[in-house]
PDB file of N, CA and C in Angstrom:
ATOM      1  N   MET A   1       7.581  -3.890  -0.559  1.00  0.00           N
ATOM      2  CA  MET A   1       8.729  -3.024  -0.624  1.00  0.00           C
ATOM      3  C   MET A   1       8.235  -1.661  -1.050  1.00  0.00           C
ATOM      4  N   PRO A   2       8.520  -0.592  -0.374  1.00  0.00           N
ATOM      5  CA  PRO A   2       9.397  -0.513   0.768  1.00  0.00           C
ATOM      6  C   PRO A   2       8.729  -0.993   2.052  1.00  0.00           C
ATOM      7  N   TYR A   3       9.565  -1.406   2.969  1.00  0.00           N
ATOM      8  CA  TYR A   3       9.113  -1.851   4.279  1.00  0.00           C
ATOM      9  C   TYR A   3      10.197  -1.448   5.258  1.00  0.00           C
ATOM     10  N   GLN A   4      10.093  -0.201   5.746  1.00  0.00           N
ATOM     11  CA  GLN A   4      11.140   0.316   6.621  1.00  0.00           C
ATOM     12  C   GLN A   4      10.711   1.646   7.222  1.00  0.00           C
ATOM     13  N   ALA A   5      11.544   2.167   8.120  1.00  0.00           N
ATOM     14  CA  ALA A   5      11.325   3.493   8.688  1.00  0.00           C
ATOM     15  C   ALA A   5      12.010   4.526   7.791  1.00  0.00           C
ATOM     16  N   PHE A   6      11.314   5.626   7.574  1.00  0.00           N
ATOM     17  CA  PHE A   6      11.866   6.746   6.821  1.00  0.00           C
ATOM     18  C   PHE A   6      11.898   7.969   7.732  1.00  0.00           C
ATOM     19  N   THR A   7      12.953   8.735   7.632  1.00  0.00           N
ATOM     20  CA  THR A   7      13.038   9.986   8.368  1.00  0.00           C
ATOM     21  C   THR A   7      12.166  11.013   7.671  1.00  0.00           C
ATOM     22  N   VAL A   8      11.338  11.680   8.469  1.00  0.00           N
ATOM     23  CA  VAL A   8      10.496  12.765   7.974  1.00  0.00           C
ATOM     24  C   VAL A   8      10.967  14.050   8.653  1.00  0.00           C
ATOM     25  N   SER A   9      10.342  15.168   8.366  1.00  0.00           N
ATOM     26  CA  SER A   9      10.858  16.443   8.864  1.00  0.00           C
ATOM     27  C   SER A   9      10.908  16.540  10.382  1.00  0.00           C
ATOM     28  N   ASP A  10      10.099  15.759  11.084  1.00  0.00           N
ATOM     29  CA  ASP A  10      10.056  15.858  12.542  1.00  0.00           C
ATOM     30  C   ASP A  10      10.109  14.498  13.249  1.00  0.00           C
ATOM     31  N   GLY A  11      10.685  13.516  12.616  1.00  0.00           N
ATOM     32  CA  GLY A  11      10.787  12.204  13.259  1.00  0.00           C
ATOM     33  C   GLY A  11      10.946  11.104  12.234  1.00  0.00           C
ATOM     34  N   GLU A  12      10.301   9.983  12.500  1.00  0.00           N
ATOM     35  CA  GLU A  12      10.337   8.850  11.581  1.00  0.00           C
ATOM     36  C   GLU A  12       8.941   8.279  11.389  1.00  0.00           C
ATOM     37  N   VAL A  13       8.718   7.738  10.199  1.00  0.00           N
ATOM     38  CA  VAL A  13       7.462   7.073   9.860  1.00  0.00           C
ATOM     39  C   VAL A  13       7.815   5.725   9.252  1.00  0.00           C
ATOM     40  N   VAL A  14       7.109   4.700   9.700  1.00  0.00           N
ATOM     41  CA  VAL A  14       7.312   3.373   9.131  1.00  0.00           C
ATOM     42  C   VAL A  14       6.365   3.198   7.956  1.00  0.00           C
ATOM     43  N   VAL A  15       6.915   2.768   6.840  1.00  0.00           N
ATOM     44  CA  VAL A  15       6.147   2.492   5.631  1.00  0.00           C
ATOM     45  C   VAL A  15       6.194   0.991   5.402  1.00  0.00           C
ATOM     46  N   ALA A  16       5.040   0.405   5.177  1.00  0.00           N
ATOM     47  CA  ALA A  16       4.952  -1.032   4.920  1.00  0.00           C
ATOM     48  C   ALA A  16       4.096  -1.253   3.681  1.00  0.00           C
ATOM     49  N   VAL A  17       4.759  -1.395   2.549  1.00  0.00           N
ATOM     50  CA  VAL A  17       4.080  -1.626   1.279  1.00  0.00           C
ATOM     51  C   VAL A  17       4.278  -3.091   0.929  1.00  0.00           C
ATOM     52  N   GLY A  18       3.206  -3.884   1.073  1.00  0.00           N
ATOM     53  CA  GLY A  18       3.324  -5.315   0.876  1.00  0.00           C
ATOM     54  C   GLY A  18       2.788  -5.841  -0.441  1.00  0.00           C
ATOM     55  N   THR A  19       1.985  -5.032  -1.129  1.00  0.00           N
ATOM     56  CA  THR A  19       1.382  -5.495  -2.377  1.00  0.00           C
ATOM     57  C   THR A  19       1.551  -4.440  -3.463  1.00  0.00           C
ATOM     58  N   ASP A  20       1.320  -4.846  -4.679  1.00  0.00           N
ATOM     59  CA  ASP A  20       1.406  -3.900  -5.784  1.00  0.00           C
ATOM     60  C   ASP A  20       0.322  -2.827  -5.674  1.00  0.00           C
ATOM     61  N   ARG A  21      -0.846  -3.191  -5.191  1.00  0.00           N
ATOM     62  CA  ARG A  21      -1.925  -2.205  -4.993  1.00  0.00           C
ATOM     63  C   ARG A  21      -1.520  -1.178  -3.938  1.00  0.00           C
ATOM     64  N   GLN A  22      -0.913  -1.648  -2.845  1.00  0.00           N
ATOM     65  CA  GLN A  22      -0.444  -0.722  -1.819  1.00  0.00           C
ATOM     66  C   GLN A  22       0.631   0.209  -2.377  1.00  0.00           C
ATOM     67  N   TRP A  23       1.436  -0.282  -3.304  1.00  0.00           N
ATOM     68  CA  TRP A  23       2.455   0.551  -3.949  1.00  0.00           C
ATOM     69  C   TRP A  23       1.792   1.727  -4.671  1.00  0.00           C
ATOM     70  N   LEU A  24       0.717   1.457  -5.388  1.00  0.00           N
ATOM     71  CA  LEU A  24       0.013   2.521  -6.104  1.00  0.00           C
ATOM     72  C   LEU A  24      -0.531   3.566  -5.136  1.00  0.00           C
ATOM     73  N   VAL A  25      -1.086   3.115  -4.027  1.00  0.00           N
ATOM     74  CA  VAL A  25      -1.622   4.031  -3.016  1.00  0.00           C
ATOM     75  C   VAL A  25      -0.489   4.842  -2.383  1.00  0.00           C
ATOM     76  N   PHE A  26       0.619   4.182  -2.091  1.00  0.00           N
ATOM     77  CA  PHE A  26       1.782   4.856  -1.515  1.00  0.00           C
ATOM     78  C   PHE A  26       2.291   5.949  -2.457  1.00  0.00           C
ATOM     79  N   CYS A  27       2.447   5.617  -3.724  1.00  0.00           N
ATOM     80  CA  CYS A  27       2.931   6.609  -4.699  1.00  0.00           C
ATOM     81  C   CYS A  27       1.974   7.789  -4.807  1.00  0.00           C
ATOM     82  N   ASP A  28       0.688   7.516  -4.725  1.00  0.00           N
ATOM     83  CA  ASP A  28      -0.300   8.587  -4.734  1.00  0.00           C
ATOM     84  C   ASP A  28      -0.128   9.455  -3.486  1.00  0.00           C
ATOM     85  N   ALA A  29       0.076   8.818  -2.337  1.00  0.00           N
ATOM     86  CA  ALA A  29       0.216   9.551  -1.077  1.00  0.00           C
ATOM     87  C   ALA A  29       1.444  10.444  -1.066  1.00  0.00           C
ATOM     88  N   ILE A  30       2.551   9.967  -1.624  1.00  0.00           N
ATOM     89  CA  ILE A  30       3.758  10.793  -1.634  1.00  0.00           C
ATOM     90  C   ILE A  30       3.782  11.736  -2.838  1.00  0.00           C
ATOM     91  N   GLU A  31       2.699  11.705  -3.596  1.00  0.00           N
ATOM     92  CA  GLU A  31       2.514  12.613  -4.730  1.00  0.00           C
ATOM     93  C   GLU A  31       3.682  12.525  -5.715  1.00  0.00           C
ATOM     94  N   TRP A  32       3.983  11.290  -6.095  1.00  0.00           N
ATOM     95  CA  TRP A  32       5.061  11.053  -7.039  1.00  0.00           C
ATOM     96  C   TRP A  32       4.600  10.090  -8.119  1.00  0.00           C
ATOM     97  N   PRO A  33       3.818  10.596  -9.075  1.00  0.00           N
ATOM     98  CA  PRO A  33       3.284   9.730 -10.118  1.00  0.00           C
ATOM     99  C   PRO A  33       4.358   9.125 -11.024  1.00  0.00           C
ATOM    100  N   ASP A  34       5.546   9.732 -11.062  1.00  0.00           N
ATOM    101  CA  ASP A  34       6.624   9.168 -11.880  1.00  0.00           C
ATOM    102  C   ASP A  34       7.010   7.767 -11.418  1.00  0.00           C
ATOM    103  N   LEU A  35       6.884   7.510 -10.124  1.00  0.00           N
ATOM    104  CA  LEU A  35       7.196   6.167  -9.618  1.00  0.00           C
ATOM    105  C   LEU A  35       6.210   5.142 -10.153  1.00  0.00           C
ATOM    106  N   VAL A  36       4.948   5.519 -10.259  1.00  0.00           N
ATOM    107  CA  VAL A  36       3.933   4.612 -10.794  1.00  0.00           C
ATOM    108  C   VAL A  36       4.153   4.404 -12.283  1.00  0.00           C
ATOM    109  N   ALA A  37       4.565   5.448 -12.964  1.00  0.00           N
ATOM    110  CA  ALA A  37       4.749   5.370 -14.415  1.00  0.00           C
ATOM    111  C   ALA A  37       5.986   4.560 -14.811  1.00  0.00           C
ATOM    112  N   ASP A  38       6.889   4.362 -13.882  1.00  0.00           N
ATOM    113  CA  ASP A  38       8.134   3.644 -14.182  1.00  0.00           C
ATOM    114  C   ASP A  38       7.894   2.139 -14.091  1.00  0.00           C
ATOM    115  N   PRO A  39       8.003   1.420 -15.207  1.00  0.00           N
ATOM    116  CA  PRO A  39       7.697  -0.020 -15.210  1.00  0.00           C
ATOM    117  C   PRO A  39       8.602  -0.854 -14.301  1.00  0.00           C
ATOM    118  N   ARG A  40       9.769  -0.343 -13.942  1.00  0.00           N
ATOM    119  CA  ARG A  40      10.665  -1.085 -13.043  1.00  0.00           C
ATOM    120  C   ARG A  40      10.047  -1.306 -11.677  1.00  0.00           C
ATOM    121  N   TRP A  41       9.171  -0.401 -11.254  1.00  0.00           N
ATOM    122  CA  TRP A  41       8.664  -0.436  -9.888  1.00  0.00           C
ATOM    123  C   TRP A  41       7.237  -0.978  -9.770  1.00  0.00           C
ATOM    124  N   LEU A  42       6.605  -1.328 -10.867  1.00  0.00           N
ATOM    125  CA  LEU A  42       5.200  -1.758 -10.821  1.00  0.00           C
ATOM    126  C   LEU A  42       4.981  -3.046 -10.041  1.00  0.00           C
ATOM    127  N   ALA A  43       5.904  -3.981 -10.137  1.00  0.00           N
ATOM    128  CA  ALA A  43       5.762  -5.257  -9.430  1.00  0.00           C
ATOM    129  C   ALA A  43       6.762  -5.317  -8.281  1.00  0.00           C
ATOM    130  N   VAL A  44       6.370  -5.987  -7.222  1.00  0.00           N
ATOM    131  CA  VAL A  44       7.206  -6.061  -6.029  1.00  0.00           C
ATOM    132  C   VAL A  44       8.606  -6.590  -6.335  1.00  0.00           C
ATOM    133  N   ARG A  45       8.722  -7.522  -7.247  1.00  0.00           N
ATOM    134  CA  ARG A  45      10.045  -8.063  -7.584  1.00  0.00           C
ATOM    135  C   ARG A  45      10.977  -6.970  -8.100  1.00  0.00           C
ATOM    136  N   GLY A  46      10.467  -6.096  -8.938  1.00  0.00           N
ATOM    137  CA  GLY A  46      11.268  -4.995  -9.449  1.00  0.00           C
ATOM    138  C   GLY A  46      11.696  -4.039  -8.350  1.00  0.00           C
ATOM    139  N   ARG A  47      10.806  -3.813  -7.384  1.00  0.00           N
ATOM    140  CA  ARG A  47      11.143  -2.926  -6.273  1.00  0.00           C
ATOM    141  C   ARG A  47      12.192  -3.545  -5.365  1.00  0.00           C
ATOM    142  N   ILE A  48      12.163  -4.852  -5.236  1.00  0.00           N
ATOM    143  CA  ILE A  48      13.180  -5.533  -4.429  1.00  0.00           C
ATOM    144  C   ILE A  48      14.526  -5.514  -5.151  1.00  0.00           C
ATOM    145  N   VAL A  49      14.524  -5.887  -6.422  1.00  0.00           N
ATOM    146  CA  VAL A  49      15.759  -5.917  -7.210  1.00  0.00           C
ATOM    147  C   VAL A  49      16.367  -4.514  -7.303  1.00  0.00           C
ATOM    148  N   GLY A  50      15.543  -3.498  -7.464  1.00  0.00           N
ATOM    149  CA  GLY A  50      16.018  -2.125  -7.613  1.00  0.00           C
ATOM    150  C   GLY A  50      16.038  -1.323  -6.327  1.00  0.00           C
ATOM    151  N   ARG A  51      15.989  -2.007  -5.197  1.00  0.00           N
ATOM    152  CA  ARG A  51      15.912  -1.351  -3.894  1.00  0.00           C
ATOM    153  C   ARG A  51      16.982  -0.261  -3.704  1.00  0.00           C
ATOM    154  N   ALA A  52      18.215  -0.536  -4.109  1.00  0.00           N
ATOM    155  CA  ALA A  52      19.304   0.426  -3.911  1.00  0.00           C
ATOM    156  C   ALA A  52      19.053   1.738  -4.651  1.00  0.00           C
ATOM    157  N   GLU A  53      18.318   1.685  -5.715  1.00  0.00           N
ATOM    158  CA  GLU A  53      17.982   2.890  -6.472  1.00  0.00           C
ATOM    159  C   GLU A  53      16.680   3.521  -5.987  1.00  0.00           C
ATOM    160  N   LEU A  54      15.726   2.694  -5.619  1.00  0.00           N
ATOM    161  CA  LEU A  54      14.398   3.171  -5.255  1.00  0.00           C
ATOM    162  C   LEU A  54      14.352   3.799  -3.862  1.00  0.00           C
ATOM    163  N   VAL A  55      14.994   3.209  -2.888  1.00  0.00           N
ATOM    164  CA  VAL A  55      14.908   3.699  -1.508  1.00  0.00           C
ATOM    165  C   VAL A  55      15.395   5.150  -1.376  1.00  0.00           C
ATOM    166  N   PRO A  56      16.503   5.534  -1.999  1.00  0.00           N
ATOM    167  CA  PRO A  56      16.894   6.952  -1.894  1.00  0.00           C
ATOM    168  C   PRO A  56      15.836   7.910  -2.460  1.00  0.00           C
ATOM    169  N   GLU A  57      15.156   7.499  -3.512  1.00  0.00           N
ATOM    170  CA  GLU A  57      14.068   8.328  -4.058  1.00  0.00           C
ATOM    171  C   GLU A  57      12.945   8.470  -3.033  1.00  0.00           C
ATOM    172  N   ASN A  58      12.561   7.358  -2.419  1.00  0.00           N
ATOM    173  CA  ASN A  58      11.521   7.399  -1.390  1.00  0.00           C
ATOM    174  C   ASN A  58      11.963   8.227  -0.191  1.00  0.00           C
ATOM    175  N   THR A  59      13.226   8.096   0.181  1.00  0.00           N
ATOM    176  CA  THR A  59      13.761   8.819   1.332  1.00  0.00           C
ATOM    177  C   THR A  59      13.646  10.328   1.127  1.00  0.00           C
ATOM    178  N   ARG A  60      13.994  10.812  -0.053  1.00  0.00           N
ATOM    179  CA  ARG A  60      13.881  12.251  -0.338  1.00  0.00           C
ATOM    180  C   ARG A  60      12.428  12.716  -0.268  1.00  0.00           C
ATOM    181  N   SER A  61      11.523  11.934  -0.797  1.00  0.00           N
ATOM    182  CA  SER A  61      10.107  12.309  -0.775  1.00  0.00           C
ATOM    183  C   SER A  61       9.569  12.353   0.644  1.00  0.00           C
ATOM    184  N   MET A  62       9.901  11.342   1.415  1.00  0.00           N
ATOM    185  CA  MET A  62       9.378  11.256   2.775  1.00  0.00           C
ATOM    186  C   MET A  62       9.909  12.383   3.653  1.00  0.00           C
ATOM    187  N   ALA A  63      11.153  12.793   3.457  1.00  0.00           N
ATOM    188  CA  ALA A  63      11.778  13.818   4.299  1.00  0.00           C
ATOM    189  C   ALA A  63      11.132  15.190   4.133  1.00  0.00           C
ATOM    190  N   ALA A  64      10.396  15.378   3.073  1.00  0.00           N
ATOM    191  CA  ALA A  64       9.831  16.690   2.766  1.00  0.00           C
ATOM    192  C   ALA A  64       8.619  17.064   3.616  1.00  0.00           C
ATOM    193  N   ARG A  65       8.055  16.095   4.333  1.00  0.00           N
ATOM    194  CA  ARG A  65       6.836  16.369   5.108  1.00  0.00           C
ATOM    195  C   ARG A  65       6.979  15.900   6.542  1.00  0.00           C
ATOM    196  N   SER A  66       6.033  16.333   7.355  1.00  0.00           N
ATOM    197  CA  SER A  66       6.024  15.969   8.779  1.00  0.00           C
ATOM    198  C   SER A  66       5.263  14.668   9.008  1.00  0.00           C
ATOM    199  N   MET A  67       5.432  14.126  10.214  1.00  0.00           N
ATOM    200  CA  MET A  67       4.684  12.937  10.608  1.00  0.00           C
ATOM    201  C   MET A  67       3.180  13.169  10.470  1.00  0.00           C
ATOM    202  N   ARG A  68       2.738  14.302  10.968  1.00  0.00           N
ATOM    203  CA  ARG A  68       1.309  14.636  10.915  1.00  0.00           C
ATOM    204  C   ARG A  68       0.806  14.639   9.466  1.00  0.00           C
ATOM    205  N   ASP A  69       1.589  15.216   8.552  1.00  0.00           N
ATOM    206  CA  ASP A  69       1.208  15.239   7.138  1.00  0.00           C
ATOM    207  C   ASP A  69       1.063  13.820   6.590  1.00  0.00           C
ATOM    208  N   TRP A  70       2.059  12.959   6.870  1.00  0.00           N
ATOM    209  CA  TRP A  70       2.021  11.583   6.341  1.00  0.00           C
ATOM    210  C   TRP A  70       0.861  10.794   6.924  1.00  0.00           C
ATOM    211  N   ILE A  71       0.599  10.976   8.194  1.00  0.00           N
ATOM    212  CA  ILE A  71      -0.526  10.257   8.816  1.00  0.00           C
ATOM    213  C   ILE A  71      -1.843  10.732   8.205  1.00  0.00           C
ATOM    214  N   ALA A  72      -1.986  12.024   8.004  1.00  0.00           N
ATOM    215  CA  ALA A  72      -3.213  12.551   7.392  1.00  0.00           C
ATOM    216  C   ALA A  72      -3.372  12.028   5.964  1.00  0.00           C
ATOM    217  N   LEU A  73      -2.298  12.016   5.197  1.00  0.00           N
ATOM    218  CA  LEU A  73      -2.377  11.511   3.829  1.00  0.00           C
ATOM    219  C   LEU A  73      -2.724  10.028   3.789  1.00  0.00           C
ATOM    220  N   SER A  74      -2.100   9.247   4.653  1.00  0.00           N
ATOM    221  CA  SER A  74      -2.384   7.809   4.644  1.00  0.00           C
ATOM    222  C   SER A  74      -3.814   7.527   5.091  1.00  0.00           C
ATOM    223  N   SER A  75      -4.297   8.309   6.038  1.00  0.00           N
ATOM    224  CA  SER A  75      -5.678   8.115   6.511  1.00  0.00           C
ATOM    225  C   SER A  75      -6.702   8.474   5.442  1.00  0.00           C
ATOM    226  N   SER A  76      -6.404   9.474   4.659  1.00  0.00           N
ATOM    227  CA  SER A  76      -7.354   9.914   3.633  1.00  0.00           C
ATOM    228  C   SER A  76      -7.402   8.945   2.459  1.00  0.00           C
ATOM    229  N   ARG A  77      -6.440   8.035   2.356  1.00  0.00           N
ATOM    230  CA  ARG A  77      -6.386   7.107   1.219  1.00  0.00           C
ATOM    231  C   ARG A  77      -6.664   5.672   1.630  1.00  0.00           C
ATOM    232  N   SER A  78      -6.993   5.456   2.866  1.00  0.00           N
ATOM    233  CA  SER A  78      -7.252   4.091   3.354  1.00  0.00           C
ATOM    234  C   SER A  78      -8.545   3.537   2.828  1.00  0.00           C
TER     235      SER A  78
END
């Protein structure tokens, strides 16, 4: 979690975060360390239970950049 398409500035990007480690990488990529620091989101169960609160936060972050930006960021952290 998250595992869905997000609207970005010029289209949509699918995000598939399946593990807690991937969550850390994702938070680094979207440059939002507050998400990592929040204990509610550290484990996948918390992200699932808090989905209604977490997804809007992710949506705002993702919308701020283009597809090209997100692909470049994800590639640099693989």
